[in-house]
N, C-alpha and C. Protein backbone atom coordinates (compact mmCIF):
# COMPACT_ATOMS: atom_id res chain seq x y z
N MET A 1 35.50 122.40 -103.20
CA MET A 1 36.09 121.28 -103.95
C MET A 1 35.24 120.03 -103.74
N THR A 2 34.88 119.35 -104.79
CA THR A 2 34.13 118.11 -104.68
C THR A 2 35.09 116.96 -104.43
N PRO A 3 34.61 115.85 -103.87
CA PRO A 3 35.51 114.71 -103.64
C PRO A 3 36.24 114.26 -104.89
N GLN A 4 35.57 114.32 -106.04
CA GLN A 4 36.20 113.87 -107.28
C GLN A 4 37.40 114.75 -107.62
N ASP A 5 37.33 116.05 -107.27
CA ASP A 5 38.44 116.95 -107.55
C ASP A 5 39.69 116.57 -106.77
N ALA A 6 39.52 115.84 -105.68
CA ALA A 6 40.64 115.48 -104.82
C ALA A 6 41.44 114.29 -105.35
N ARG A 7 40.94 113.66 -106.41
CA ARG A 7 41.65 112.49 -106.92
C ARG A 7 43.03 112.87 -107.45
N GLN A 8 44.04 112.16 -106.97
CA GLN A 8 45.40 112.33 -107.46
C GLN A 8 45.76 111.15 -108.36
N TYR A 9 46.77 111.34 -109.18
CA TYR A 9 47.15 110.32 -110.15
C TYR A 9 48.64 110.02 -110.03
N ALA A 10 48.98 108.74 -110.01
CA ALA A 10 50.37 108.30 -110.03
C ALA A 10 50.53 107.39 -111.24
N PRO A 11 51.22 107.84 -112.29
CA PRO A 11 51.31 107.05 -113.52
C PRO A 11 51.81 105.63 -113.31
N ALA A 12 52.66 105.41 -112.32
CA ALA A 12 53.22 104.07 -112.11
C ALA A 12 52.15 103.06 -111.74
N THR A 13 51.04 103.52 -111.13
CA THR A 13 50.03 102.56 -110.70
C THR A 13 49.41 101.83 -111.87
N GLU A 14 49.17 102.53 -112.96
CA GLU A 14 48.58 101.87 -114.14
C GLU A 14 49.57 100.92 -114.78
N ARG A 15 50.86 101.22 -114.64
CA ARG A 15 51.86 100.35 -115.26
C ARG A 15 52.08 99.07 -114.47
N ASN A 16 51.93 99.13 -113.14
CA ASN A 16 52.32 97.95 -112.35
C ASN A 16 51.14 97.21 -111.72
N ARG A 17 49.94 97.77 -111.79
CA ARG A 17 48.85 97.20 -111.00
C ARG A 17 48.44 95.80 -111.45
N GLU A 18 48.46 95.52 -112.73
CA GLU A 18 48.06 94.19 -113.19
C GLU A 18 49.06 93.13 -112.75
N ALA A 19 50.35 93.46 -112.85
CA ALA A 19 51.38 92.51 -112.43
C ALA A 19 51.32 92.26 -110.92
N ILE A 20 51.07 93.32 -110.15
CA ILE A 20 50.96 93.17 -108.70
C ILE A 20 49.72 92.34 -108.36
N LEU A 21 48.61 92.64 -109.00
CA LEU A 21 47.38 91.90 -108.73
C LEU A 21 47.57 90.41 -108.97
N GLU A 22 48.30 90.06 -110.00
CA GLU A 22 48.54 88.64 -110.30
C GLU A 22 49.20 87.94 -109.12
N ILE A 23 50.14 88.62 -108.46
CA ILE A 23 50.80 88.03 -107.29
C ILE A 23 49.87 88.04 -106.09
N LEU A 24 49.15 89.13 -105.88
CA LEU A 24 48.24 89.21 -104.73
C LEU A 24 47.20 88.09 -104.78
N LEU A 25 46.72 87.79 -105.96
CA LEU A 25 45.73 86.71 -106.09
C LEU A 25 46.32 85.36 -105.69
N LYS A 26 47.63 85.22 -105.81
CA LYS A 26 48.30 83.97 -105.43
C LYS A 26 48.55 83.88 -103.94
N VAL A 27 48.89 85.01 -103.32
CA VAL A 27 49.46 84.94 -101.97
C VAL A 27 48.53 85.43 -100.86
N LEU A 28 47.53 86.25 -101.18
CA LEU A 28 46.67 86.77 -100.12
C LEU A 28 45.63 85.75 -99.70
N PRO A 29 45.23 85.75 -98.44
CA PRO A 29 44.10 84.93 -98.02
C PRO A 29 42.86 85.29 -98.83
N SER A 30 41.92 84.36 -98.95
CA SER A 30 40.75 84.57 -99.80
C SER A 30 39.73 85.52 -99.20
N SER A 31 39.83 85.77 -97.89
CA SER A 31 38.91 86.68 -97.23
C SER A 31 39.61 87.32 -96.05
N GLY A 32 38.97 88.31 -95.44
CA GLY A 32 39.58 89.04 -94.34
C GLY A 32 39.91 90.45 -94.79
N THR A 33 40.51 91.22 -93.89
CA THR A 33 40.88 92.60 -94.18
C THR A 33 42.35 92.68 -94.58
N VAL A 34 42.61 93.39 -95.67
CA VAL A 34 43.96 93.69 -96.13
C VAL A 34 44.28 95.12 -95.73
N LEU A 35 45.28 95.29 -94.90
CA LEU A 35 45.72 96.61 -94.45
C LEU A 35 46.82 97.10 -95.40
N GLU A 36 46.58 98.23 -96.05
CA GLU A 36 47.60 98.79 -96.94
C GLU A 36 48.28 99.95 -96.23
N ILE A 37 49.60 99.88 -96.13
CA ILE A 37 50.40 100.93 -95.52
C ILE A 37 50.95 101.83 -96.62
N ALA A 38 50.77 103.14 -96.46
CA ALA A 38 51.22 104.13 -97.45
C ALA A 38 50.49 103.93 -98.77
N SER A 39 49.19 104.15 -98.74
CA SER A 39 48.34 103.89 -99.91
C SER A 39 48.49 104.94 -101.01
N GLY A 40 49.08 106.09 -100.70
CA GLY A 40 49.28 107.10 -101.73
C GLY A 40 47.98 107.63 -102.30
N THR A 41 47.89 107.64 -103.61
CA THR A 41 46.72 108.23 -104.27
C THR A 41 45.44 107.46 -104.04
N GLY A 42 45.54 106.17 -103.72
CA GLY A 42 44.36 105.33 -103.57
C GLY A 42 44.00 104.56 -104.81
N GLU A 43 44.72 104.78 -105.90
CA GLU A 43 44.42 104.07 -107.16
C GLU A 43 44.62 102.57 -107.02
N HIS A 44 45.69 102.18 -106.35
CA HIS A 44 45.89 100.74 -106.12
C HIS A 44 44.77 100.17 -105.26
N ALA A 45 44.40 100.90 -104.22
CA ALA A 45 43.39 100.39 -103.28
C ALA A 45 42.10 100.05 -104.00
N VAL A 46 41.59 100.96 -104.83
CA VAL A 46 40.31 100.69 -105.48
C VAL A 46 40.45 99.64 -106.57
N TYR A 47 41.59 99.60 -107.22
CA TYR A 47 41.80 98.60 -108.27
C TYR A 47 41.84 97.20 -107.67
N PHE A 48 42.61 97.02 -106.60
CA PHE A 48 42.73 95.70 -106.00
C PHE A 48 41.45 95.30 -105.29
N ALA A 49 40.85 96.22 -104.54
CA ALA A 49 39.64 95.89 -103.79
C ALA A 49 38.51 95.47 -104.72
N SER A 50 38.41 96.11 -105.87
CA SER A 50 37.32 95.78 -106.80
C SER A 50 37.51 94.41 -107.43
N ARG A 51 38.70 93.83 -107.29
CA ARG A 51 38.99 92.52 -107.86
C ARG A 51 39.21 91.45 -106.79
N LEU A 52 39.30 91.88 -105.56
CA LEU A 52 39.40 90.96 -104.42
C LEU A 52 38.12 91.15 -103.60
N ILE A 53 37.02 90.77 -104.20
CA ILE A 53 35.71 91.18 -103.69
C ILE A 53 35.33 90.51 -102.38
N ASP A 54 36.01 89.43 -102.01
CA ASP A 54 35.71 88.78 -100.74
C ASP A 54 36.58 89.30 -99.60
N CYS A 55 37.44 90.25 -99.91
CA CYS A 55 38.29 90.89 -98.90
C CYS A 55 37.81 92.32 -98.65
N MET A 56 38.09 92.82 -97.46
CA MET A 56 37.95 94.25 -97.17
C MET A 56 39.33 94.88 -97.30
N TRP A 57 39.37 96.13 -97.79
CA TRP A 57 40.64 96.82 -97.99
C TRP A 57 40.68 98.03 -97.07
N LEU A 58 41.72 98.12 -96.25
CA LEU A 58 41.86 99.23 -95.30
C LEU A 58 43.07 100.06 -95.68
N PRO A 59 42.87 101.18 -96.39
CA PRO A 59 43.99 102.02 -96.81
C PRO A 59 44.42 102.96 -95.69
N THR A 60 45.69 103.35 -95.72
CA THR A 60 46.24 104.30 -94.75
C THR A 60 47.25 105.19 -95.45
N ASP A 61 47.44 106.37 -94.88
CA ASP A 61 48.52 107.23 -95.35
C ASP A 61 48.74 108.34 -94.32
N ALA A 62 49.98 108.79 -94.20
CA ALA A 62 50.30 109.87 -93.27
C ALA A 62 49.92 111.23 -93.84
N ASN A 63 49.76 111.32 -95.17
CA ASN A 63 49.52 112.59 -95.85
C ASN A 63 48.02 112.86 -95.98
N PRO A 64 47.52 113.98 -95.46
CA PRO A 64 46.08 114.25 -95.56
C PRO A 64 45.58 114.40 -96.99
N GLN A 65 46.42 114.92 -97.88
CA GLN A 65 46.01 115.03 -99.29
C GLN A 65 45.85 113.66 -99.92
N ALA A 66 46.74 112.75 -99.55
CA ALA A 66 46.61 111.37 -100.05
C ALA A 66 45.33 110.73 -99.53
N ARG A 67 45.03 110.96 -98.27
CA ARG A 67 43.80 110.37 -97.72
C ARG A 67 42.56 110.94 -98.40
N ALA A 68 42.59 112.22 -98.74
CA ALA A 68 41.47 112.81 -99.48
C ALA A 68 41.35 112.19 -100.87
N SER A 69 42.48 111.89 -101.48
CA SER A 69 42.46 111.26 -102.79
C SER A 69 41.91 109.85 -102.71
N ILE A 70 42.26 109.14 -101.64
CA ILE A 70 41.74 107.77 -101.46
C ILE A 70 40.23 107.80 -101.34
N VAL A 71 39.70 108.73 -100.54
CA VAL A 71 38.25 108.86 -100.40
C VAL A 71 37.61 109.16 -101.75
N ALA A 72 38.22 110.07 -102.50
CA ALA A 72 37.66 110.47 -103.79
C ALA A 72 37.66 109.31 -104.78
N TRP A 73 38.74 108.55 -104.82
CA TRP A 73 38.79 107.40 -105.73
C TRP A 73 37.79 106.33 -105.32
N THR A 74 37.65 106.12 -104.00
CA THR A 74 36.69 105.12 -103.53
C THR A 74 35.27 105.49 -103.92
N GLU A 75 34.92 106.77 -103.75
CA GLU A 75 33.58 107.22 -104.12
C GLU A 75 33.38 107.19 -105.63
N HIS A 76 34.41 107.56 -106.37
CA HIS A 76 34.33 107.56 -107.83
C HIS A 76 34.09 106.17 -108.37
N ASN A 77 34.77 105.17 -107.78
CA ASN A 77 34.65 103.80 -108.26
C ASN A 77 33.50 103.05 -107.61
N GLY A 78 32.90 103.63 -106.60
CA GLY A 78 31.78 102.97 -105.92
C GLY A 78 32.18 101.71 -105.19
N CYS A 79 33.42 101.67 -104.66
CA CYS A 79 33.90 100.47 -103.97
C CYS A 79 33.20 100.34 -102.62
N LYS A 80 32.59 99.21 -102.40
CA LYS A 80 31.89 98.95 -101.14
C LYS A 80 32.77 98.22 -100.13
N ASN A 81 33.90 97.69 -100.57
CA ASN A 81 34.75 96.92 -99.67
C ASN A 81 36.06 97.65 -99.35
N VAL A 82 36.01 98.98 -99.36
CA VAL A 82 37.16 99.81 -98.97
C VAL A 82 36.75 100.65 -97.77
N TYR A 83 37.47 100.49 -96.66
CA TYR A 83 37.23 101.30 -95.48
C TYR A 83 37.69 102.74 -95.72
N PRO A 84 37.17 103.71 -94.98
CA PRO A 84 37.74 105.05 -95.00
C PRO A 84 39.21 104.99 -94.60
N PRO A 85 40.06 105.79 -95.23
CA PRO A 85 41.50 105.71 -94.94
C PRO A 85 41.83 106.22 -93.53
N LEU A 86 42.83 105.61 -92.93
CA LEU A 86 43.31 106.02 -91.62
C LEU A 86 44.62 106.78 -91.76
N GLU A 87 44.84 107.72 -90.85
CA GLU A 87 46.14 108.38 -90.75
C GLU A 87 47.10 107.43 -90.05
N LEU A 88 48.20 107.11 -90.70
CA LEU A 88 49.12 106.14 -90.13
C LEU A 88 50.53 106.38 -90.66
N ASP A 89 51.47 106.45 -89.74
CA ASP A 89 52.90 106.53 -90.07
C ASP A 89 53.52 105.22 -89.59
N ALA A 90 54.15 104.50 -90.49
CA ALA A 90 54.68 103.17 -90.15
C ALA A 90 55.67 103.20 -89.00
N ARG A 91 56.29 104.36 -88.76
CA ARG A 91 57.30 104.46 -87.71
C ARG A 91 56.70 104.54 -86.32
N GLU A 92 55.39 104.76 -86.22
CA GLU A 92 54.75 104.90 -84.91
C GLU A 92 54.82 103.60 -84.12
N ALA A 93 55.02 103.72 -82.81
CA ALA A 93 55.13 102.55 -81.95
C ALA A 93 53.79 101.82 -81.83
N VAL A 94 52.70 102.57 -81.95
CA VAL A 94 51.36 101.99 -81.95
C VAL A 94 50.63 102.56 -83.16
N TRP A 95 50.17 101.69 -84.03
CA TRP A 95 49.47 102.14 -85.24
C TRP A 95 48.02 102.47 -84.93
N ALA A 96 47.43 103.27 -85.81
CA ALA A 96 46.03 103.68 -85.63
C ALA A 96 45.10 102.48 -85.52
N VAL A 97 45.36 101.43 -86.26
CA VAL A 97 44.47 100.26 -86.23
C VAL A 97 44.55 99.51 -84.90
N GLU A 98 45.56 99.82 -84.09
CA GLU A 98 45.69 99.17 -82.79
C GLU A 98 45.01 99.97 -81.67
N LYS A 99 44.58 101.19 -81.97
CA LYS A 99 44.00 102.05 -80.95
C LYS A 99 42.52 101.76 -80.78
N GLU A 100 42.04 101.89 -79.57
CA GLU A 100 40.67 101.51 -79.24
C GLU A 100 39.64 102.25 -80.08
N THR A 101 39.94 103.49 -80.45
CA THR A 101 38.96 104.30 -81.16
C THR A 101 38.67 103.79 -82.56
N VAL A 102 39.55 102.97 -83.12
CA VAL A 102 39.33 102.51 -84.49
C VAL A 102 39.33 100.98 -84.61
N THR A 103 39.46 100.29 -83.49
CA THR A 103 39.54 98.84 -83.60
C THR A 103 38.25 98.23 -84.13
N GLU A 104 37.14 98.99 -84.07
CA GLU A 104 35.90 98.43 -84.60
C GLU A 104 35.92 98.31 -86.12
N LEU A 105 36.84 99.02 -86.79
CA LEU A 105 36.86 98.97 -88.25
C LEU A 105 37.07 97.56 -88.79
N PRO A 106 38.13 96.86 -88.38
CA PRO A 106 38.37 95.54 -88.97
C PRO A 106 37.81 94.38 -88.17
N ASN A 107 37.10 94.64 -87.08
CA ASN A 107 36.72 93.52 -86.21
C ASN A 107 35.83 92.50 -86.90
N ASN A 108 34.93 92.96 -87.77
CA ASN A 108 34.06 92.01 -88.45
C ASN A 108 34.81 91.23 -89.53
N SER A 109 35.97 91.71 -89.88
CA SER A 109 36.79 91.07 -90.90
C SER A 109 38.24 91.26 -90.49
N PRO A 110 38.81 90.38 -89.69
CA PRO A 110 40.13 90.59 -89.09
C PRO A 110 41.22 90.83 -90.13
N ILE A 111 42.23 91.60 -89.74
CA ILE A 111 43.37 91.85 -90.62
C ILE A 111 44.15 90.56 -90.80
N VAL A 112 44.28 90.13 -92.04
CA VAL A 112 44.98 88.88 -92.35
C VAL A 112 46.21 89.12 -93.23
N ALA A 113 46.36 90.35 -93.74
CA ALA A 113 47.48 90.64 -94.63
C ALA A 113 47.78 92.13 -94.60
N ILE A 114 49.02 92.46 -94.88
CA ILE A 114 49.48 93.84 -95.00
C ILE A 114 50.17 93.99 -96.35
N VAL A 115 49.81 95.04 -97.07
CA VAL A 115 50.39 95.32 -98.39
C VAL A 115 51.10 96.67 -98.31
N ASN A 116 52.31 96.72 -98.85
CA ASN A 116 53.10 97.96 -98.85
C ASN A 116 53.83 98.07 -100.19
N ILE A 117 53.46 99.08 -100.95
CA ILE A 117 53.96 99.22 -102.32
C ILE A 117 54.78 100.50 -102.44
N ASN A 118 56.02 100.35 -102.91
CA ASN A 118 56.87 101.50 -103.21
C ASN A 118 56.99 102.49 -102.06
N MET A 119 57.31 101.98 -100.87
CA MET A 119 57.50 102.88 -99.73
C MET A 119 58.91 102.86 -99.17
N ILE A 120 59.46 101.66 -98.95
CA ILE A 120 60.65 101.61 -98.10
C ILE A 120 61.88 102.26 -98.74
N HIS A 121 61.88 102.47 -100.05
CA HIS A 121 63.02 103.13 -100.69
C HIS A 121 62.85 104.65 -100.71
N ILE A 122 61.64 105.15 -100.46
CA ILE A 122 61.43 106.61 -100.41
C ILE A 122 61.03 107.04 -99.00
N SER A 123 61.64 106.39 -98.04
CA SER A 123 61.48 106.76 -96.64
C SER A 123 62.73 106.32 -95.91
N ALA A 124 62.87 106.78 -94.69
CA ALA A 124 64.04 106.40 -93.89
C ALA A 124 63.96 104.91 -93.54
N TRP A 125 65.11 104.34 -93.23
CA TRP A 125 65.17 102.92 -92.85
C TRP A 125 64.27 102.66 -91.64
N SER A 126 64.09 103.65 -90.79
CA SER A 126 63.23 103.49 -89.62
C SER A 126 61.79 103.17 -90.03
N ALA A 127 61.36 103.62 -91.21
CA ALA A 127 60.01 103.29 -91.68
C ALA A 127 59.90 101.80 -92.01
N CYS A 128 60.96 101.24 -92.59
CA CYS A 128 60.96 99.80 -92.87
C CYS A 128 60.94 99.01 -91.57
N LEU A 129 61.74 99.44 -90.60
CA LEU A 129 61.75 98.77 -89.30
C LEU A 129 60.39 98.87 -88.63
N GLY A 130 59.76 100.05 -88.74
CA GLY A 130 58.43 100.24 -88.17
C GLY A 130 57.39 99.37 -88.85
N LEU A 131 57.53 99.22 -90.16
CA LEU A 131 56.61 98.36 -90.91
C LEU A 131 56.71 96.92 -90.42
N MET A 132 57.93 96.45 -90.26
CA MET A 132 58.12 95.08 -89.79
C MET A 132 57.59 94.89 -88.38
N ALA A 133 57.85 95.86 -87.51
CA ALA A 133 57.38 95.77 -86.14
C ALA A 133 55.86 95.75 -86.09
N GLY A 134 55.22 96.63 -86.89
CA GLY A 134 53.77 96.66 -86.91
C GLY A 134 53.17 95.37 -87.45
N ALA A 135 53.78 94.84 -88.49
CA ALA A 135 53.31 93.57 -89.05
C ALA A 135 53.45 92.45 -88.03
N GLY A 136 54.56 92.48 -87.28
CA GLY A 136 54.76 91.47 -86.25
C GLY A 136 53.72 91.55 -85.14
N ARG A 137 53.28 92.77 -84.83
CA ARG A 137 52.28 92.94 -83.78
C ARG A 137 50.88 92.57 -84.25
N ILE A 138 50.55 92.92 -85.48
CA ILE A 138 49.16 92.88 -85.94
C ILE A 138 48.79 91.57 -86.62
N LEU A 139 49.69 91.04 -87.45
CA LEU A 139 49.32 89.87 -88.25
C LEU A 139 49.16 88.64 -87.38
N PRO A 140 48.18 87.81 -87.69
CA PRO A 140 48.07 86.51 -87.01
C PRO A 140 49.10 85.55 -87.58
N VAL A 141 49.31 84.46 -86.89
CA VAL A 141 50.18 83.42 -87.44
C VAL A 141 49.60 82.97 -88.78
N GLY A 142 50.44 82.96 -89.81
CA GLY A 142 49.99 82.64 -91.16
C GLY A 142 49.61 83.86 -91.96
N GLY A 143 49.56 85.04 -91.31
CA GLY A 143 49.25 86.28 -92.03
C GLY A 143 50.36 86.65 -92.99
N ILE A 144 50.03 87.43 -94.01
CA ILE A 144 50.95 87.74 -95.11
C ILE A 144 51.33 89.21 -95.10
N LEU A 145 52.63 89.47 -95.28
CA LEU A 145 53.14 90.82 -95.55
C LEU A 145 53.69 90.82 -96.96
N TYR A 146 53.16 91.73 -97.80
CA TYR A 146 53.58 91.83 -99.20
C TYR A 146 54.26 93.17 -99.42
N LEU A 147 55.47 93.14 -99.99
CA LEU A 147 56.20 94.34 -100.36
C LEU A 147 56.44 94.36 -101.86
N TYR A 148 56.43 95.57 -102.44
CA TYR A 148 56.73 95.72 -103.86
C TYR A 148 57.66 96.91 -104.02
N GLY A 149 58.67 96.74 -104.88
CA GLY A 149 59.55 97.85 -105.19
C GLY A 149 60.89 97.35 -105.69
N PRO A 150 61.85 98.26 -105.89
CA PRO A 150 63.20 97.85 -106.29
C PRO A 150 64.01 97.41 -105.07
N PHE A 151 64.88 96.45 -105.27
CA PHE A 151 65.73 95.96 -104.20
C PHE A 151 67.11 95.63 -104.76
N LYS A 152 68.13 95.82 -103.93
CA LYS A 152 69.42 95.21 -104.22
C LYS A 152 69.35 93.75 -103.83
N GLN A 153 70.14 92.93 -104.48
CA GLN A 153 70.25 91.53 -104.11
C GLN A 153 71.72 91.19 -103.92
N GLY A 154 72.03 90.61 -102.76
CA GLY A 154 73.43 90.37 -102.44
C GLY A 154 74.23 91.65 -102.34
N GLY A 155 73.55 92.74 -101.99
CA GLY A 155 74.22 94.03 -101.86
C GLY A 155 74.47 94.74 -103.17
N GLU A 156 74.03 94.18 -104.29
CA GLU A 156 74.30 94.76 -105.60
C GLU A 156 72.99 95.11 -106.31
N HIS A 157 73.04 96.19 -107.07
CA HIS A 157 71.88 96.54 -107.89
C HIS A 157 71.69 95.50 -108.99
N THR A 158 70.45 95.26 -109.34
CA THR A 158 70.14 94.26 -110.36
C THR A 158 70.02 94.85 -111.75
N ALA A 159 70.08 96.18 -111.85
CA ALA A 159 69.99 96.84 -113.15
C ALA A 159 70.60 98.23 -113.05
N LEU A 160 71.13 98.72 -114.14
CA LEU A 160 71.71 100.06 -114.16
C LEU A 160 70.66 101.11 -113.83
N SER A 161 69.43 100.87 -114.28
CA SER A 161 68.37 101.84 -113.99
C SER A 161 68.09 101.93 -112.50
N ASN A 162 68.19 100.80 -111.79
CA ASN A 162 68.00 100.84 -110.35
C ASN A 162 69.13 101.58 -109.65
N ALA A 163 70.35 101.40 -110.15
CA ALA A 163 71.48 102.12 -109.57
C ALA A 163 71.32 103.63 -109.75
N ALA A 164 70.88 104.03 -110.94
CA ALA A 164 70.64 105.46 -111.19
C ALA A 164 69.51 105.99 -110.33
N PHE A 165 68.48 105.19 -110.16
CA PHE A 165 67.34 105.58 -109.32
C PHE A 165 67.78 105.73 -107.87
N ASP A 166 68.60 104.81 -107.40
CA ASP A 166 69.13 104.86 -106.04
C ASP A 166 69.92 106.15 -105.82
N GLU A 167 70.77 106.49 -106.77
CA GLU A 167 71.56 107.73 -106.66
C GLU A 167 70.64 108.95 -106.63
N TYR A 168 69.62 108.94 -107.47
CA TYR A 168 68.66 110.04 -107.51
C TYR A 168 67.96 110.19 -106.16
N LEU A 169 67.53 109.06 -105.58
CA LEU A 169 66.83 109.11 -104.30
C LEU A 169 67.72 109.68 -103.20
N ARG A 170 68.97 109.26 -103.16
CA ARG A 170 69.87 109.70 -102.10
C ARG A 170 70.22 111.17 -102.23
N VAL A 171 70.16 111.71 -103.43
CA VAL A 171 70.33 113.16 -103.61
C VAL A 171 69.13 113.90 -103.01
N GLN A 172 67.94 113.34 -103.21
CA GLN A 172 66.74 113.95 -102.65
C GLN A 172 66.76 113.93 -101.12
N ASN A 173 67.20 112.78 -100.57
CA ASN A 173 67.25 112.63 -99.12
C ASN A 173 68.25 111.52 -98.80
N PRO A 174 69.30 111.83 -98.05
CA PRO A 174 70.33 110.83 -97.78
C PRO A 174 69.81 109.59 -97.05
N GLU A 175 68.65 109.69 -96.41
CA GLU A 175 68.08 108.54 -95.70
C GLU A 175 67.28 107.63 -96.61
N TRP A 176 67.04 108.05 -97.84
CA TRP A 176 66.31 107.24 -98.80
C TRP A 176 67.28 106.35 -99.56
N GLY A 177 66.73 105.43 -100.35
CA GLY A 177 67.56 104.61 -101.21
C GLY A 177 67.01 103.21 -101.39
N VAL A 178 67.43 102.57 -102.46
CA VAL A 178 67.03 101.19 -102.74
C VAL A 178 67.64 100.29 -101.67
N ARG A 179 66.80 99.48 -101.04
CA ARG A 179 67.25 98.67 -99.91
C ARG A 179 67.80 97.32 -100.37
N ASN A 180 68.72 96.81 -99.58
CA ASN A 180 69.27 95.48 -99.83
C ASN A 180 68.28 94.45 -99.31
N LEU A 181 67.86 93.53 -100.15
CA LEU A 181 66.86 92.56 -99.75
C LEU A 181 67.28 91.77 -98.52
N ASP A 182 68.56 91.44 -98.42
CA ASP A 182 69.03 90.68 -97.26
C ASP A 182 68.78 91.44 -95.96
N ASP A 183 68.96 92.76 -96.00
CA ASP A 183 68.72 93.57 -94.80
C ASP A 183 67.24 93.59 -94.44
N VAL A 184 66.39 93.67 -95.45
CA VAL A 184 64.95 93.67 -95.22
C VAL A 184 64.50 92.33 -94.63
N VAL A 185 65.03 91.25 -95.19
CA VAL A 185 64.68 89.92 -94.69
C VAL A 185 65.14 89.75 -93.24
N ALA A 186 66.32 90.26 -92.92
CA ALA A 186 66.83 90.16 -91.55
C ALA A 186 65.96 90.95 -90.58
N ALA A 187 65.53 92.14 -90.99
CA ALA A 187 64.65 92.95 -90.15
C ALA A 187 63.32 92.26 -89.94
N ALA A 188 62.81 91.63 -90.98
CA ALA A 188 61.54 90.91 -90.88
C ALA A 188 61.65 89.72 -89.93
N ARG A 189 62.75 89.01 -90.02
CA ARG A 189 62.93 87.82 -89.19
C ARG A 189 62.88 88.16 -87.71
N LEU A 190 63.39 89.33 -87.34
CA LEU A 190 63.36 89.75 -85.93
C LEU A 190 61.93 89.93 -85.43
N GLU A 191 60.99 90.14 -86.35
CA GLU A 191 59.59 90.34 -85.97
C GLU A 191 58.74 89.11 -86.30
N HIS A 192 59.40 87.96 -86.43
CA HIS A 192 58.72 86.68 -86.67
C HIS A 192 58.00 86.67 -88.03
N LEU A 193 58.66 87.25 -89.01
CA LEU A 193 58.16 87.24 -90.39
C LEU A 193 59.16 86.49 -91.25
N SER A 194 58.70 85.43 -91.86
CA SER A 194 59.58 84.54 -92.63
C SER A 194 59.40 84.78 -94.13
N LEU A 195 60.51 84.96 -94.84
CA LEU A 195 60.44 85.13 -96.29
C LEU A 195 59.89 83.86 -96.94
N GLN A 196 58.84 84.03 -97.74
CA GLN A 196 58.25 82.91 -98.46
C GLN A 196 58.73 82.84 -99.89
N GLN A 197 58.72 83.99 -100.56
CA GLN A 197 59.16 83.99 -101.95
C GLN A 197 59.36 85.43 -102.42
N ALA A 198 60.29 85.61 -103.35
CA ALA A 198 60.49 86.88 -104.04
C ALA A 198 60.23 86.65 -105.52
N TYR A 199 59.30 87.39 -106.06
CA TYR A 199 58.91 87.25 -107.46
C TYR A 199 59.53 88.38 -108.29
N GLN A 200 60.14 88.02 -109.41
CA GLN A 200 60.66 89.03 -110.32
C GLN A 200 59.50 89.71 -111.02
N MET A 201 59.53 91.05 -111.05
CA MET A 201 58.45 91.84 -111.61
C MET A 201 58.98 92.71 -112.75
N PRO A 202 58.07 93.30 -113.53
CA PRO A 202 58.52 94.19 -114.59
C PRO A 202 59.31 95.38 -114.05
N ALA A 203 60.09 95.99 -114.90
CA ALA A 203 60.86 97.20 -114.58
C ALA A 203 61.84 96.98 -113.42
N ASN A 204 62.38 95.77 -113.33
CA ASN A 204 63.42 95.45 -112.35
C ASN A 204 62.97 95.63 -110.89
N ASN A 205 61.70 95.36 -110.64
CA ASN A 205 61.17 95.38 -109.29
C ASN A 205 60.96 93.96 -108.78
N LEU A 206 60.67 93.85 -107.49
CA LEU A 206 60.37 92.56 -106.88
C LEU A 206 59.06 92.64 -106.11
N SER A 207 58.36 91.52 -106.07
CA SER A 207 57.30 91.30 -105.10
C SER A 207 57.89 90.37 -104.05
N VAL A 208 57.90 90.82 -102.80
CA VAL A 208 58.52 90.06 -101.71
C VAL A 208 57.43 89.68 -100.71
N VAL A 209 57.29 88.41 -100.44
CA VAL A 209 56.18 87.90 -99.63
C VAL A 209 56.73 87.26 -98.36
N PHE A 210 56.24 87.74 -97.22
CA PHE A 210 56.59 87.20 -95.91
C PHE A 210 55.35 86.58 -95.27
N GLU A 211 55.57 85.61 -94.40
CA GLU A 211 54.48 85.03 -93.62
C GLU A 211 54.79 85.17 -92.13
N ARG A 212 53.79 85.55 -91.37
CA ARG A 212 53.95 85.66 -89.91
C ARG A 212 54.02 84.27 -89.31
N THR A 213 55.10 84.01 -88.61
CA THR A 213 55.28 82.70 -87.99
C THR A 213 55.00 82.78 -86.50
N ALA A 214 54.89 81.61 -85.88
CA ALA A 214 54.65 81.58 -84.43
C ALA A 214 55.88 82.09 -83.69
N ASN A 215 55.64 82.78 -82.59
CA ASN A 215 56.76 83.19 -81.74
C ASN A 215 57.42 81.96 -81.13
N VAL A 216 58.72 81.96 -81.13
CA VAL A 216 59.47 80.84 -80.55
C VAL A 216 60.23 81.36 -79.33
N THR A 217 59.99 80.75 -78.21
CA THR A 217 60.65 81.16 -76.97
C THR A 217 61.71 80.12 -76.62
N PHE A 218 62.92 80.60 -76.47
CA PHE A 218 64.02 79.70 -76.09
C PHE A 218 64.27 79.81 -74.59
N GLU A 219 64.28 78.69 -73.94
CA GLU A 219 64.48 78.68 -72.47
C GLU A 219 65.94 78.32 -72.15
C-alpha cells in the first residue's frame, strides 16, 4: 500500500473547514505550534496548516489508521509545517507531547494553542476532562484552546437536528452525547481555562474558545 492509498475521507471536513478557518485566523496566535487532538483523517490538519503558514501543526490521534491517513494527506499536499502525527489519547494522565522522547518536536516552536474538532460528543465525558487537564498542563498563560462541535446551551438542545443526533449517539454508546456547554466551561475553569467567546457556526455547531489564565493561589 502506498501512503496515498492510506488517505481517508470525512465529508464533514469539506463542509466545515472554511467556517472553522475563519475563526482560527481570528483567535490563534500568529506563530508557534498548534497541537490538534483527535485529528481524524488529517484533512483538517493539512487544510489549516497550509493556510496558517507561520504556525507549525502537530496532529495526534489514538487510531493507527487515522495516523496513517494524516501522513498520507501531509505527503499528498506537500505540507512542510505539519509534524508527523503522534499517538495520543486525551484521557491519558501524561500526553505523548509531554514525554521526553518527543519533547524535541515542538521545542523550536512552542505549543501555543490546542485545537479539538468534533471529539467530545463522540467520546466519554472522561475524554473531555482529559482534554481540559492536558490543556491546563501544556498551554502557556495566554494560550488558546479551540473546540468545535454541537453543544447544548442552558441544558437544552439548540435545534431539533441536534436532539436527534444526540439520541443517535447515545444509542451507539451511552457514554457519548452532545455536551452541555455550561458543563464544559465548568470543567475548563477547573484547569485555569477561561471562556473567551462562543461563535455560532453553520449546521447548529459552535466554535468555543478558551484562554489559559494564570494559576491563582488562595492563602
